[in-house]
N, C-alpha and C. Protein backbone atom coordinates (compact mmCIF):
# COMPACT_ATOMS: atom_id res chain seq x y z
N MET A 1 172.11 118.51 -152.81
CA MET A 1 172.11 119.83 -153.82
C MET A 1 171.35 120.92 -153.32
N LEU A 2 170.00 120.51 -152.80
CA LEU A 2 169.19 121.52 -152.29
C LEU A 2 169.89 122.12 -151.20
N ASN A 3 170.56 121.90 -150.19
CA ASN A 3 170.98 122.31 -149.16
C ASN A 3 172.33 123.19 -149.61
N LEU A 4 172.99 122.81 -150.41
CA LEU A 4 174.13 123.52 -150.98
C LEU A 4 173.55 124.74 -151.60
N SER A 5 172.52 124.62 -152.39
CA SER A 5 171.95 125.79 -152.83
C SER A 5 171.41 126.82 -152.07
N LEU A 6 170.91 126.30 -150.96
CA LEU A 6 170.36 127.03 -149.88
C LEU A 6 171.70 127.81 -149.33
N ILE A 7 172.75 127.22 -148.85
CA ILE A 7 173.81 127.76 -148.47
C ILE A 7 174.43 128.73 -149.47
N GLY A 8 174.55 128.33 -150.73
CA GLY A 8 175.14 129.32 -151.40
C GLY A 8 174.07 130.77 -151.54
N THR A 9 173.05 130.25 -151.78
CA THR A 9 171.99 131.58 -151.93
C THR A 9 172.13 132.62 -150.52
N ILE A 10 172.11 132.06 -149.37
CA ILE A 10 172.42 132.50 -148.27
C ILE A 10 173.84 133.52 -148.19
N LEU A 11 174.92 132.72 -148.81
CA LEU A 11 176.39 133.59 -148.94
C LEU A 11 176.12 134.79 -149.82
N VAL A 12 175.50 134.34 -151.14
CA VAL A 12 175.39 135.67 -151.91
C VAL A 12 174.28 136.65 -151.33
N ALA A 13 173.42 136.34 -150.78
CA ALA A 13 172.82 137.53 -149.94
C ALA A 13 173.77 138.16 -149.02
N ILE A 14 174.44 137.60 -148.04
CA ILE A 14 175.19 138.18 -147.29
C ILE A 14 176.54 138.95 -147.84
N THR A 15 176.98 138.49 -149.01
CA THR A 15 178.12 139.16 -149.59
C THR A 15 177.41 140.42 -150.31
N VAL A 16 176.20 140.20 -150.81
CA VAL A 16 175.73 141.40 -151.58
C VAL A 16 175.34 142.48 -150.77
N MET A 17 174.83 142.27 -149.38
CA MET A 17 174.38 142.98 -148.44
C MET A 17 175.84 143.69 -147.91
N ILE A 18 176.97 143.09 -147.53
CA ILE A 18 178.27 143.58 -147.33
C ILE A 18 178.76 144.53 -148.56
N HIS A 19 178.39 144.31 -149.54
CA HIS A 19 178.98 145.10 -150.79
C HIS A 19 177.98 146.34 -151.02
N ALA A 20 176.78 146.24 -150.93
CA ALA A 20 175.82 147.28 -150.64
C ALA A 20 175.87 148.32 -149.58
N LEU A 21 176.18 147.77 -148.39
CA LEU A 21 176.56 148.70 -147.33
C LEU A 21 177.90 149.40 -147.45
N GLY A 22 178.84 148.50 -147.98
CA GLY A 22 180.34 149.22 -148.07
C GLY A 22 180.35 150.03 -149.01
N THR A 23 179.70 149.96 -150.33
CA THR A 23 179.56 150.86 -151.48
C THR A 23 178.86 152.15 -151.28
N THR A 24 177.67 151.76 -150.47
CA THR A 24 176.82 152.90 -150.05
C THR A 24 177.59 154.03 -149.16
N TYR A 25 178.28 153.35 -148.07
CA TYR A 25 179.00 154.13 -146.99
C TYR A 25 180.24 154.85 -148.07
N LEU A 26 180.93 154.39 -148.95
CA LEU A 26 182.12 154.47 -149.55
C LEU A 26 181.31 156.14 -150.54
N VAL A 27 180.21 155.82 -151.16
CA VAL A 27 179.88 156.98 -152.08
C VAL A 27 179.44 158.13 -151.36
N ARG A 28 178.93 157.86 -149.95
CA ARG A 28 178.53 158.97 -149.10
C ARG A 28 179.84 159.48 -148.87
N TYR A 29 180.70 158.92 -148.39
CA TYR A 29 181.90 159.50 -147.84
C TYR A 29 182.75 160.44 -148.97
N LEU A 30 182.69 159.83 -150.23
CA LEU A 30 183.39 160.64 -151.36
C LEU A 30 182.58 161.77 -151.60
N VAL A 31 181.27 161.77 -151.50
CA VAL A 31 180.56 162.96 -151.54
C VAL A 31 180.55 164.21 -150.67
N ARG A 32 180.66 163.45 -149.35
CA ARG A 32 180.99 164.46 -148.33
C ARG A 32 182.41 165.03 -148.32
N ARG A 33 183.10 164.19 -148.71
CA ARG A 33 184.63 164.57 -148.79
C ARG A 33 185.31 165.56 -149.85
N PHE A 34 184.78 165.00 -150.89
CA PHE A 34 185.15 165.46 -152.45
C PHE A 34 184.44 166.75 -153.27
N LEU A 35 183.00 166.49 -152.99
CA LEU A 35 182.54 167.48 -153.77
C LEU A 35 181.89 168.80 -153.20
N ASP A 36 181.82 169.63 -153.94
CA ASP A 36 181.44 170.81 -153.72
C ASP A 36 179.86 171.00 -153.92
N GLU A 37 179.46 172.34 -153.41
CA GLU A 37 178.21 172.42 -153.42
C GLU A 37 177.50 172.44 -155.03
N ARG A 38 178.22 172.62 -155.88
CA ARG A 38 177.67 172.19 -157.19
C ARG A 38 177.84 170.82 -157.47
N GLY A 39 178.39 169.79 -157.04
CA GLY A 39 178.56 168.53 -157.17
C GLY A 39 179.72 168.15 -158.05
N ARG A 40 180.74 169.17 -157.88
CA ARG A 40 182.03 168.97 -158.60
C ARG A 40 183.18 168.74 -157.59
N TRP A 41 184.19 168.08 -158.25
CA TRP A 41 185.51 168.14 -157.31
C TRP A 41 186.83 168.40 -158.37
N GLY A 42 187.64 169.12 -157.75
CA GLY A 42 188.65 169.56 -158.63
C GLY A 42 189.40 168.41 -158.71
N SER A 43 190.25 168.45 -160.04
CA SER A 43 191.27 167.39 -160.39
C SER A 43 192.36 167.09 -159.40
N ARG A 44 192.70 167.73 -158.18
CA ARG A 44 193.63 167.55 -157.28
C ARG A 44 192.89 166.45 -156.56
N TYR A 45 191.75 166.25 -156.37
CA TYR A 45 191.01 165.16 -155.52
C TYR A 45 190.95 163.81 -156.22
N ALA A 46 190.95 163.92 -157.65
CA ALA A 46 190.60 162.87 -158.48
C ALA A 46 191.26 161.67 -157.97
N LEU A 47 192.56 161.65 -157.85
CA LEU A 47 193.49 160.64 -157.60
C LEU A 47 193.18 160.11 -156.25
N VAL A 48 193.29 160.97 -155.13
CA VAL A 48 192.50 160.63 -153.88
C VAL A 48 191.49 159.69 -153.86
N ALA A 49 190.32 160.22 -154.66
CA ALA A 49 189.14 159.43 -154.43
C ALA A 49 189.01 158.29 -155.18
N LEU A 50 189.96 158.24 -156.43
CA LEU A 50 190.02 156.75 -157.11
C LEU A 50 191.00 155.90 -155.89
N ALA A 51 191.83 156.07 -155.38
CA ALA A 51 192.67 155.32 -154.74
C ALA A 51 191.86 154.67 -153.36
N THR A 52 191.04 155.86 -152.97
CA THR A 52 190.27 155.14 -151.81
C THR A 52 189.13 154.46 -152.22
N THR A 53 188.60 154.49 -153.39
CA THR A 53 187.58 153.81 -153.84
C THR A 53 188.29 152.12 -154.12
N ALA A 54 189.39 152.24 -154.76
CA ALA A 54 190.11 150.94 -155.23
C ALA A 54 190.44 150.38 -153.85
N ILE A 55 190.87 150.66 -152.68
CA ILE A 55 191.15 150.33 -151.67
C ILE A 55 189.96 149.73 -151.04
N VAL A 56 189.07 150.37 -150.66
CA VAL A 56 187.76 149.99 -149.95
C VAL A 56 187.34 148.97 -150.80
N LEU A 57 186.94 149.06 -152.04
CA LEU A 57 186.75 147.78 -152.66
C LEU A 57 187.31 146.37 -152.68
N VAL A 58 188.69 146.70 -152.50
CA VAL A 58 189.53 145.39 -152.55
C VAL A 58 189.45 144.66 -151.10
N VAL A 59 189.10 145.69 -150.11
CA VAL A 59 188.98 145.28 -148.77
C VAL A 59 187.52 144.74 -148.74
N LEU A 60 186.46 145.09 -149.26
CA LEU A 60 185.11 144.50 -149.39
C LEU A 60 185.33 143.05 -150.14
N HIS A 61 185.85 142.98 -151.21
CA HIS A 61 185.98 141.86 -151.89
C HIS A 61 187.02 140.67 -150.82
N ALA A 62 187.90 141.09 -150.33
CA ALA A 62 188.66 140.14 -149.44
C ALA A 62 187.78 139.68 -148.15
N VAL A 63 186.94 140.65 -147.69
CA VAL A 63 186.14 140.02 -146.57
C VAL A 63 184.93 139.30 -146.97
N GLU A 64 184.18 139.25 -148.45
CA GLU A 64 183.54 138.44 -149.02
C GLU A 64 184.21 137.28 -149.15
N ILE A 65 185.38 137.05 -149.72
CA ILE A 65 186.34 135.87 -149.99
C ILE A 65 186.33 135.23 -148.83
N VAL A 66 186.68 135.80 -147.75
CA VAL A 66 187.11 135.24 -146.41
C VAL A 66 185.83 134.46 -145.97
N ILE A 67 184.71 135.19 -145.84
CA ILE A 67 183.46 134.90 -145.59
C ILE A 67 183.23 133.15 -146.47
N TRP A 68 183.24 133.32 -147.49
CA TRP A 68 182.91 132.22 -148.34
C TRP A 68 184.25 131.13 -148.01
N ALA A 69 185.43 131.41 -148.03
CA ALA A 69 186.56 130.44 -147.24
C ALA A 69 185.94 129.81 -145.85
N GLY A 70 185.47 130.71 -144.85
CA GLY A 70 185.14 130.13 -143.63
C GLY A 70 184.14 129.08 -143.76
N VAL A 71 183.10 129.36 -144.86
CA VAL A 71 181.97 128.38 -144.93
C VAL A 71 182.72 126.95 -145.21
N TYR A 72 183.56 127.20 -146.50
CA TYR A 72 183.99 126.09 -147.23
C TYR A 72 184.71 125.40 -146.03
N LYS A 73 185.64 125.97 -145.28
CA LYS A 73 186.36 125.39 -144.01
C LYS A 73 185.37 124.65 -143.11
N ALA A 74 184.18 125.16 -142.68
CA ALA A 74 183.46 124.73 -141.72
C ALA A 74 182.85 123.53 -142.63
N LEU A 75 182.27 123.53 -143.69
CA LEU A 75 181.47 122.45 -144.24
C LEU A 75 182.14 121.47 -145.18
N VAL A 76 183.12 121.61 -145.98
CA VAL A 76 183.96 120.89 -146.69
C VAL A 76 184.90 119.83 -146.07
N PRO A 77 184.88 118.54 -146.28
CA PRO A 77 185.92 117.71 -145.68
C PRO A 77 187.31 118.12 -145.56
N VAL A 78 188.02 118.03 -144.69
CA VAL A 78 189.41 118.19 -144.44
C VAL A 78 190.16 117.86 -145.53
N SER A 79 189.92 116.67 -145.92
CA SER A 79 190.75 116.20 -147.09
C SER A 79 190.87 116.83 -148.30
N GLU A 80 189.74 117.69 -148.38
CA GLU A 80 189.80 118.43 -149.75
C GLU A 80 190.38 119.96 -149.34
N LEU A 81 190.20 120.53 -148.39
CA LEU A 81 190.66 121.89 -147.85
C LEU A 81 191.26 121.79 -146.61
N ALA A 82 192.72 121.25 -146.74
CA ALA A 82 193.27 121.24 -145.18
C ALA A 82 193.22 122.01 -144.42
N ASP A 83 193.59 123.36 -144.68
CA ASP A 83 193.45 124.44 -143.39
C ASP A 83 192.88 125.63 -143.92
N LEU A 84 192.87 126.49 -143.30
CA LEU A 84 191.96 127.87 -143.46
C LEU A 84 192.86 128.69 -144.63
N GLU A 85 194.11 128.75 -144.82
CA GLU A 85 194.94 128.91 -145.84
C GLU A 85 194.65 128.59 -146.97
N THR A 86 194.59 127.29 -147.22
CA THR A 86 193.94 126.78 -148.55
C THR A 86 192.43 126.97 -148.84
N ALA A 87 191.69 127.16 -147.83
CA ALA A 87 190.25 127.62 -147.99
C ALA A 87 190.19 128.97 -148.54
N VAL A 88 190.95 129.79 -147.90
CA VAL A 88 191.17 131.18 -148.53
C VAL A 88 191.47 131.32 -150.01
N TYR A 89 192.72 130.49 -150.18
CA TYR A 89 193.39 130.29 -151.40
C TYR A 89 192.22 130.13 -152.47
N PHE A 90 191.43 128.95 -152.33
CA PHE A 90 190.39 128.35 -153.22
C PHE A 90 189.36 129.26 -153.38
N SER A 91 189.02 129.96 -152.45
CA SER A 91 187.93 131.06 -152.30
C SER A 91 188.31 132.12 -153.29
N PHE A 92 189.60 132.73 -153.10
CA PHE A 92 190.15 133.84 -154.01
C PHE A 92 190.09 133.47 -155.52
N VAL A 93 190.57 132.03 -155.68
CA VAL A 93 190.54 131.65 -156.96
C VAL A 93 189.10 131.38 -157.79
N THR A 94 188.39 131.12 -156.73
CA THR A 94 186.92 130.77 -157.32
C THR A 94 186.26 132.11 -157.35
N PHE A 95 186.41 133.21 -156.54
CA PHE A 95 185.47 134.19 -156.61
C PHE A 95 186.00 135.05 -157.90
N THR A 96 187.33 135.10 -157.98
CA THR A 96 187.69 135.99 -159.10
C THR A 96 187.72 135.25 -160.44
N THR A 97 187.11 134.07 -160.42
CA THR A 97 186.81 133.11 -161.70
C THR A 97 188.04 132.90 -162.21
N LEU A 98 189.50 132.92 -161.48
CA LEU A 98 190.63 132.75 -162.24
C LEU A 98 190.88 131.16 -162.47
N GLY A 99 190.57 130.27 -161.78
CA GLY A 99 190.20 128.95 -161.84
C GLY A 99 191.31 128.09 -162.13
N TYR A 100 192.62 128.31 -161.57
CA TYR A 100 193.80 127.48 -161.69
C TYR A 100 193.66 125.91 -161.87
N GLY A 101 192.56 125.40 -161.04
CA GLY A 101 192.25 124.16 -161.02
C GLY A 101 193.38 123.27 -160.16
N ASP A 102 194.18 123.83 -159.40
CA ASP A 102 195.26 123.15 -158.94
C ASP A 102 194.55 122.65 -157.40
N ILE A 103 193.35 123.08 -157.09
CA ILE A 103 192.42 122.64 -156.15
C ILE A 103 191.02 122.70 -156.46
N THR A 104 190.34 121.31 -156.59
CA THR A 104 188.99 121.30 -157.07
C THR A 104 188.37 120.57 -155.99
N LEU A 105 186.94 120.81 -155.69
CA LEU A 105 186.00 120.26 -154.85
C LEU A 105 185.49 118.73 -155.35
N SER A 106 185.16 117.86 -154.89
CA SER A 106 184.83 116.79 -155.05
C SER A 106 183.11 117.04 -155.91
N GLU A 107 182.66 115.88 -156.46
CA GLU A 107 181.39 116.12 -156.83
C GLU A 107 180.14 116.80 -156.11
N GLY A 108 180.19 116.42 -154.74
CA GLY A 108 179.19 116.85 -153.72
C GLY A 108 179.09 118.24 -153.50
N TRP A 109 180.34 118.90 -153.54
CA TRP A 109 180.60 120.00 -153.39
C TRP A 109 180.59 121.50 -154.48
N ARG A 110 180.93 120.83 -155.67
CA ARG A 110 181.23 121.69 -156.67
C ARG A 110 180.20 122.96 -157.04
N LEU A 111 178.76 122.33 -156.56
CA LEU A 111 177.76 123.51 -156.93
C LEU A 111 178.00 124.88 -156.13
N LEU A 112 178.40 124.53 -154.91
CA LEU A 112 178.87 125.65 -153.99
C LEU A 112 179.95 126.60 -154.80
N SER A 113 180.87 126.25 -155.03
CA SER A 113 181.97 126.97 -155.85
C SER A 113 181.25 127.44 -156.98
N GLY A 114 180.67 126.76 -158.04
CA GLY A 114 180.01 127.55 -159.03
C GLY A 114 179.24 128.55 -158.63
N ILE A 115 178.51 128.68 -157.53
CA ILE A 115 177.58 129.64 -157.12
C ILE A 115 178.54 130.83 -156.55
N GLN A 116 179.80 130.57 -155.95
CA GLN A 116 180.67 131.58 -155.46
C GLN A 116 181.06 132.31 -156.84
N ALA A 117 181.48 131.52 -157.88
CA ALA A 117 181.97 132.17 -158.90
C ALA A 117 181.01 133.18 -159.80
N LEU A 118 179.84 132.75 -159.64
CA LEU A 118 178.87 133.51 -160.18
C LEU A 118 178.66 135.08 -159.21
N ASN A 119 178.75 134.67 -157.86
CA ASN A 119 178.59 135.80 -157.05
C ASN A 119 179.78 136.80 -157.32
N GLY A 120 181.09 136.46 -157.40
CA GLY A 120 182.27 137.02 -157.60
C GLY A 120 182.05 137.86 -158.94
N ILE A 121 181.61 137.25 -159.87
CA ILE A 121 181.31 137.83 -161.21
C ILE A 121 180.53 139.09 -160.99
N LEU A 122 179.39 138.92 -160.22
CA LEU A 122 178.26 140.00 -160.03
C LEU A 122 179.09 141.13 -159.02
N LEU A 123 179.87 140.79 -157.90
CA LEU A 123 180.10 141.58 -157.16
C LEU A 123 181.31 142.37 -157.73
N VAL A 124 182.26 141.85 -158.63
CA VAL A 124 183.37 142.61 -159.26
C VAL A 124 182.90 143.51 -160.50
N GLY A 125 181.62 142.74 -161.13
CA GLY A 125 181.19 143.93 -162.12
C GLY A 125 180.63 145.21 -161.44
N TRP A 126 180.11 144.93 -160.37
CA TRP A 126 179.52 146.35 -159.40
C TRP A 126 180.55 146.90 -159.05
N SER A 127 181.72 146.38 -158.68
CA SER A 127 182.88 147.45 -158.18
C SER A 127 183.50 147.86 -159.57
N THR A 128 183.51 147.62 -160.60
CA THR A 128 183.95 147.97 -162.03
C THR A 128 182.94 149.34 -162.19
N ALA A 129 181.96 148.95 -162.12
CA ALA A 129 181.12 149.90 -162.52
C ALA A 129 181.03 151.24 -161.31
N LEU A 130 181.26 151.09 -160.16
CA LEU A 130 181.49 152.22 -159.18
C LEU A 130 182.91 152.79 -159.72
N ILE A 131 183.64 152.03 -159.92
CA ILE A 131 185.15 152.82 -160.24
C ILE A 131 185.09 153.68 -161.35
N PHE A 132 184.29 153.32 -162.46
CA PHE A 132 183.62 153.84 -163.55
C PHE A 132 183.06 155.00 -163.53
N SER A 133 182.11 155.02 -162.28
CA SER A 133 181.62 156.37 -161.98
C SER A 133 182.38 157.23 -161.30
N VAL A 134 183.21 156.66 -160.77
CA VAL A 134 184.25 157.68 -159.82
C VAL A 134 185.03 158.46 -160.95
N VAL A 135 185.54 157.62 -161.74
CA VAL A 135 186.60 158.21 -162.88
C VAL A 135 185.49 159.29 -163.85
N GLN A 136 184.46 158.84 -164.17
CA GLN A 136 183.54 159.78 -164.91
C GLN A 136 183.23 161.01 -164.00
N ARG A 137 183.21 161.05 -162.80
CA ARG A 137 182.70 162.12 -162.01
C ARG A 137 183.89 163.04 -161.64
N SER A 138 185.19 162.56 -161.89
CA SER A 138 186.42 163.21 -161.55
C SER A 138 186.83 163.89 -163.45
N TRP A 139 186.37 163.41 -164.07
CA TRP A 139 186.57 163.91 -165.50
C TRP A 139 185.65 165.28 -165.45
N GLN A 140 184.20 165.06 -165.21
CA GLN A 140 183.37 166.13 -165.26
C GLN A 140 183.90 167.33 -164.20
N GLY A 141 184.43 166.55 -162.84
CA GLY A 141 184.82 167.71 -161.93
C GLY A 141 185.72 168.45 -162.32
N SER A 142 186.65 167.92 -163.27
CA SER A 142 187.82 168.84 -163.80
C SER A 142 187.63 169.70 -164.68
N GLY A 143 186.56 169.85 -165.21
CA GLY A 143 185.80 170.84 -166.14
C GLY A 143 186.15 170.77 -167.53
N LYS A 144 186.87 169.31 -167.94
CA LYS A 144 187.52 169.33 -169.20
C LYS A 144 186.55 168.21 -169.85
């Protein structure tokens, strides 16, 4: 159990760093690309900024999910996750807390999937806050 807690903690740290770097770069890009010297952008840029934000966030989440899947594939017995596609599917369902329940890990591995679910909640919440911020900025920038 301690080993899985340590592995989960390391994976959380890695995915948080990926998310931090990705979102920091994204925000800097949005500021450079769309904001004028007064810190406002026109309404014509709002859709592009929102679409860019959504795409980058989905890509970040996909990378984070695949990292978790790689660890599952490397550590969990083949009888539980037969191939990489199954591991990625399980990781997506766990990260998003969708929880279909069609694939479950045995008692020895459940802790790791619980840690991933908490990690997913945290990072999806972070992404939601960023999208809200971009929407809010676009409203302010439109002068309305």
